[in-house]
Structures are given as C-alpha cells and as structure tokens.
Protein backbone atom coordinates (compact mmCIF):
# COMPACT_ATOMS: atom_id res chain seq x y z
CA MET A 1 11.64 -16.82 32.69
CA LEU A 2 9.01 -13.86 33.20
CA LEU A 3 11.03 -10.44 33.21
CA ILE A 4 9.56 -7.40 35.18
CA LYS A 5 10.61 -3.70 33.18
CA SER A 6 11.22 -1.41 36.45
CA MET A 7 10.03 1.49 36.46
CA ASN A 8 13.82 3.11 36.70
CA ASP A 9 13.96 1.60 33.26
CA THR A 10 11.97 3.01 31.77
CA GLN A 11 12.68 6.56 30.13
CA ILE A 12 11.30 9.84 30.16
CA VAL A 13 10.28 11.10 26.42
CA ARG A 14 9.27 14.43 26.71
CA LYS A 15 7.12 16.60 23.97
CA PRO A 16 7.95 19.62 22.19
CA TYR A 17 5.95 22.97 23.75
CA GLN A 18 5.46 21.14 27.04
CA ALA A 19 4.98 24.50 28.28
CA LEU A 20 2.43 25.65 26.39
CA ALA A 21 0.60 22.90 27.46
CA TRP A 22 0.96 23.21 31.35
CA ILE A 23 0.03 26.94 30.61
CA GLY A 24 -3.58 25.43 28.82
CA THR A 25 -3.85 23.40 31.80
CA ILE A 26 -3.83 25.73 34.28
CA GLY A 27 -6.22 27.71 32.18
CA LEU A 28 -8.64 24.84 32.12
CA ILE A 29 -8.65 24.11 36.01
CA ILE A 30 -9.21 28.04 36.12
CA GLY A 31 -12.02 27.77 34.02
CA ALA A 32 -13.50 24.40 35.59
CA SER A 33 -13.08 26.03 39.00
CA MET A 34 -14.91 29.57 37.50
CA THR A 35 -17.39 27.06 36.45
CA ALA A 36 -17.92 25.68 39.56
CA PHE A 37 -18.01 29.18 42.08
CA ASN A 38 -20.69 30.09 38.88
CA ILE A 39 -18.30 33.01 38.30
CA TYR A 40 -20.21 33.39 34.68
CA PRO A 41 -19.65 34.44 32.07
CA MET A 42 -15.63 34.86 32.44
CA ASN A 43 -15.51 31.02 32.88
CA VAL A 44 -16.46 31.09 29.06
CA TRP A 45 -13.69 33.56 28.30
CA VAL A 46 -10.98 31.27 29.88
CA MET A 47 -12.54 28.10 28.97
CA ILE A 48 -12.05 29.14 25.19
CA VAL A 49 -8.42 30.60 25.43
CA ALA A 50 -7.66 27.69 27.81
CA ASN A 51 -8.74 25.27 25.01
CA GLY A 52 -7.70 26.62 22.37
CA VAL A 53 -4.35 26.99 23.67
CA TRP A 54 -4.37 23.40 23.95
CA LEU A 55 -6.12 22.82 20.26
CA TRP A 56 -2.40 24.96 19.11
CA CYS A 57 -0.35 21.81 20.99
CA GLY A 58 -2.53 18.95 19.34
CA TYR A 59 -1.92 20.84 15.86
CA LEU A 60 1.68 21.17 17.06
CA TRP A 61 1.98 17.70 18.26
CA LYS A 62 0.22 15.89 15.82
CA GLU A 63 -2.28 14.31 17.74
CA PRO A 64 -5.61 14.06 16.10
CA SER A 65 -7.47 13.17 19.47
CA VAL A 66 -6.20 16.50 21.41
CA ILE A 67 -6.92 18.29 18.02
CA GLY A 68 -10.58 16.81 18.06
CA LEU A 69 -11.66 17.24 21.47
CA ASN A 70 -9.83 20.95 21.58
CA PHE A 71 -11.97 21.55 18.70
CA ALA A 72 -14.94 20.52 19.36
CA MET A 73 -14.43 22.17 23.01
CA THR A 74 -13.69 25.93 21.64
CA ALA A 75 -16.88 25.52 19.74
CA ILE A 76 -18.81 24.71 22.20
CA TYR A 77 -17.51 27.59 24.03
CA ILE A 78 -17.60 30.07 21.23
CA ILE A 79 -21.45 28.87 20.53
CA GLY A 80 -22.09 29.90 23.86
CA ALA A 81 -19.98 33.07 23.58
CA ILE A 82 -21.73 34.08 20.58
CA LYS A 83 -25.37 33.39 22.79
CA LEU A 84 -24.74 36.19 25.54
CA PHE A 85 -25.05 38.41 23.03
CA VAL A 86 -27.46 37.27 20.94
C-alpha cells in the first residue's frame, strides 16, 4: 500500500534568529537591486552588511554551507571596498 504524506501533516520547524535572517535577506535584495541599477559604490557597502548578517546567522545556526558562502561573499565585497580606496 502506497502511503502519501499530505502537506498538512508536515510540522514547520522554525530556526532561532529567524528575524535576523530576514533582515539579511532584505539587505541582499536591496543590495542586488542597487547593483542592477548601478548605484555604485553604495551597493558594495550594503552587500558587505547584508552578507555579514547572513554570516552571523550561519554561525548562530552552525550551518557550514551558510557560513562558507557568506564568508566568501563578505570577503569579496570587502576586497572590492578596499579597491575603492587604493
């Protein structure tokens, strides 16, 4: 007999610090929009902060994939910001 689990039976488990993750997500959307409309260099600073927030979330959640991705992105944007002044 085939058992199909309905979506109504699925329990939603929310991670702690969900509000912090949403702040980071909104920041990334704003930063990506600024990049699309060529609002430079302000987009670099917004992306540093937003990726930093997600890096912090990854640390709090102990999620290596989130930490790795956002560490790399934060480092890339920091290098870009340093390039502005050199």
